[in-house]
Protein backbone atom coordinates (compact mmCIF):
# COMPACT_ATOMS: atom_id res chain seq x y z
CA MET A 1 90.74 95.43 111.28
CA PRO A 2 88.23 94.18 113.78
CA THR A 3 87.61 96.10 116.98
CA ILE A 4 88.16 94.15 120.27
CA ARG A 5 85.32 94.87 122.63
CA THR A 6 85.83 94.85 126.36
CA ASP A 7 82.21 95.24 127.56
CA GLN A 8 80.31 92.43 128.91
CA ARG A 9 76.89 92.69 126.87
CA THR A 10 75.16 89.63 125.82
CA PRO A 11 74.57 89.04 122.23
CA ALA A 12 70.89 89.39 122.79
CA ALA A 13 71.28 92.90 124.21
CA GLU A 14 73.64 93.79 121.18
CA THR A 15 71.09 92.76 118.65
CA SER A 16 68.01 94.31 120.45
CA GLY A 17 69.61 97.66 120.57
CA GLU A 18 70.08 97.98 124.32
CA GLY A 19 72.96 99.89 125.07
CA ALA A 20 73.50 101.66 121.87
CA ALA A 21 74.58 104.78 123.76
CA ASP A 22 77.22 102.73 125.40
CA ASP A 23 79.16 102.16 122.20
CA TRP A 24 81.34 104.98 122.51
CA GLU A 25 83.96 104.75 125.39
CA ASP A 26 83.04 108.22 126.86
CA GLY A 27 79.29 107.35 126.86
CA ALA A 28 78.45 110.20 124.26
CA GLN A 29 76.91 109.40 121.00
CA GLU A 30 78.52 110.51 117.81
CA PRO A 31 77.57 114.14 117.18
CA GLU A 32 75.16 114.80 114.00
CA PHE A 33 77.22 115.74 110.83
CA LYS A 34 76.17 119.27 109.89
CA PRO A 35 77.62 120.52 106.59
CA LEU A 36 78.97 123.95 106.35
CA THR A 37 77.19 126.80 104.63
CA ARG A 38 79.12 128.62 101.83
CA GLU A 39 79.71 131.63 104.27
CA GLU A 40 80.99 129.33 107.19
CA ALA A 41 83.33 127.28 104.77
CA GLN A 42 84.80 130.85 103.45
CA GLN A 43 85.32 131.88 107.19
CA TRP A 44 87.03 128.55 107.88
CA ARG A 45 89.25 128.75 104.85
CA SER A 46 90.20 132.56 105.70
CA ARG A 47 91.29 131.24 109.25
CA GLN A 48 93.60 128.50 107.94
CA PRO A 49 97.21 129.82 106.98
CA TRP A 50 98.27 128.65 103.64
CA LEU A 51 102.00 127.82 102.98
CA SER A 52 102.81 128.01 99.11
CA PRO A 53 105.02 125.29 98.17
CA TRP A 54 106.98 127.75 95.84
CA ARG A 55 107.87 129.50 98.80
CA LEU A 56 109.02 126.48 100.62
CA VAL A 57 111.36 125.61 97.44
CA GLY A 58 112.66 129.12 97.57
CA VAL A 59 113.36 128.82 101.23
CA GLN A 60 115.10 125.35 100.51
CA ALA A 61 117.25 126.92 97.83
CA LEU A 62 118.22 129.83 100.20
CA VAL A 63 119.24 127.31 102.94
CA GLY A 64 121.41 125.43 100.41
CA LEU A 65 123.19 128.31 99.34
CA ILE A 66 123.76 129.59 102.73
CA VAL A 67 125.01 126.15 103.79
CA ALA A 68 127.45 125.86 100.99
CA VAL A 69 128.92 129.23 101.74
CA LEU A 70 129.20 127.95 105.32
CA GLY A 71 130.83 124.65 104.05
CA TRP A 72 133.42 126.63 102.04
CA LEU A 73 134.19 129.03 104.93
CA LEU A 74 134.65 126.41 107.41
CA THR A 75 136.82 124.00 105.40
CA GLN A 76 138.22 126.28 102.67
CA SER A 77 137.48 123.80 100.39
CA ALA A 78 135.75 124.17 96.97
CA SER A 79 134.90 120.51 96.53
CA VAL A 80 133.13 120.61 100.10
CA ALA A 81 131.27 123.49 98.97
CA TRP A 82 130.37 122.04 95.57
CA SER A 83 129.44 118.76 97.39
CA VAL A 84 127.16 120.56 99.70
CA LEU A 85 125.58 122.69 96.99
CA TYR A 86 124.95 119.71 94.97
CA GLY A 87 123.52 117.64 97.89
CA ALA A 88 121.37 120.90 98.42
CA ALA A 89 120.13 120.75 94.79
CA SER A 90 119.53 117.10 94.94
CA GLY A 91 116.64 118.11 97.45
CA VAL A 92 115.46 121.49 95.88
CA LEU A 93 115.31 120.57 91.99
CA PRO A 94 113.02 117.29 92.70
CA ALA A 95 110.86 119.45 95.04
CA ALA A 96 110.56 122.11 92.37
CA VAL A 97 109.48 119.66 89.79
CA MET A 98 106.94 118.42 92.36
CA ALA A 99 105.70 121.92 93.12
CA TRP A 100 105.30 122.39 89.43
CA GLY A 101 103.42 119.10 88.93
CA THR A 102 101.08 119.54 91.60
CA THR A 103 100.12 123.22 91.12
CA SER A 104 100.97 124.19 87.58
CA GLY A 105 100.91 121.36 85.50
CA GLU A 106 98.31 120.17 83.01
CA LEU A 107 97.42 117.30 85.26
CA ALA A 108 96.99 119.57 88.15
CA ARG A 109 94.42 121.57 86.34
CA LEU A 110 92.36 118.60 85.18
CA THR A 111 92.26 117.03 88.59
CA ALA A 112 91.38 119.99 90.44
CA GLY A 113 87.72 119.39 91.25
CA PHE A 114 88.25 115.68 92.18
CA ALA A 115 89.88 114.86 95.34
CA GLN A 116 90.74 111.15 94.59
CA ALA A 117 92.31 111.90 91.13
CA ALA A 118 94.13 114.93 92.87
CA PHE A 119 95.51 112.70 95.56
CA ALA A 120 96.72 110.01 92.73
CA GLY A 121 98.39 112.90 91.07
CA PHE A 122 100.09 114.16 94.33
CA LEU A 123 101.61 110.39 94.74
CA MET A 124 102.61 110.24 91.38
CA TRP A 125 104.45 113.53 91.68
CA GLU A 126 105.92 112.40 95.03
CA GLY A 127 107.22 109.23 93.36
CA VAL A 128 108.78 111.38 90.40
CA LYS A 129 110.54 113.38 93.19
CA ILE A 130 111.85 110.50 95.03
CA LEU A 131 113.17 108.99 91.68
CA LEU A 132 114.71 112.30 90.67
CA THR A 133 116.53 112.44 94.02
CA VAL A 134 117.97 109.02 93.82
CA ALA A 135 119.05 109.60 90.31
CA MET A 136 120.92 112.83 91.28
CA LEU A 137 122.42 111.14 94.34
CA TRP A 138 123.76 108.19 92.26
CA SER A 139 125.08 110.50 89.50
CA ALA A 140 126.90 112.80 92.05
CA ARG A 141 130.20 110.58 92.07
CA PHE A 142 130.42 111.28 88.12
CA LEU A 143 129.43 115.00 88.18
CA VAL A 144 131.05 116.35 91.42
CA PRO A 145 134.85 116.43 91.17
CA ASP A 146 136.50 115.20 94.60
CA LEU A 147 133.00 114.69 96.00
CA SER A 148 132.70 115.13 99.84
CA TRP A 149 129.93 112.55 100.70
CA LEU A 150 129.60 114.05 104.24
CA GLY A 151 129.31 117.44 102.54
CA LEU A 152 126.75 116.16 100.08
CA LEU A 153 124.64 114.55 102.72
CA ALA A 154 124.64 117.57 105.02
CA GLY A 155 123.39 119.85 102.17
CA LEU A 156 120.62 117.14 101.44
CA VAL A 157 119.52 116.74 104.94
CA LEU A 158 119.62 120.36 105.94
CA VAL A 159 117.44 121.32 102.82
CA LEU A 160 115.09 118.66 103.54
CA LYS A 161 114.69 119.77 107.09
CA VAL A 162 113.33 123.04 105.90
CA TYR A 163 109.93 121.01 105.52
CA GLY A 164 110.05 120.40 109.17
CA LEU A 165 110.82 123.96 109.68
CA GLY A 166 108.24 125.48 107.65
CA PHE A 167 105.42 123.43 109.37
CA TRP A 168 106.66 124.34 112.80
CA LEU A 169 106.40 128.15 111.97
CA GLN A 170 103.04 127.65 110.37
CA ALA A 171 101.78 125.96 113.73
CA ARG A 172 103.29 128.87 115.67
CA ARG A 173 101.95 131.44 113.51
CA ARG A 174 98.41 129.79 114.16
CA ASN A 175 98.91 129.91 117.91
């Protein structure tokens, strides 16, 4: 996307190099890029918190079970509990497939040293996760007797909110 310039320099000043320091809004030039040494990179990595995708999937499964039990306790209806549990599974199982594909699969091992290939693999597994979620939600009406759509959506939404909770806790731990 082209940038819109708001300064009033003439084209002659731009081509002659006058005002090169004025290209930045705050008047400072871009700092020189300095690559990190091996020790600096290791120190930087040690300061960065790491959240395992498997831990996130485990917390999602735990939240799904708790919400299903709460749904049964509040409504005394087994169909609501099964609907909530199936909704939670519609979020947890595809996330587990994606976690396996991005961390443990053969493709993950092959693309480990190549950033662009790893990103493409991530996008592929994200697509698999979305398709699997949609397929599970579509098949819910056939698999869950007396399906409660509200319970199914509650289970799915609460399990998906675990991602946000994980990032929030990680940010709090960093501060």
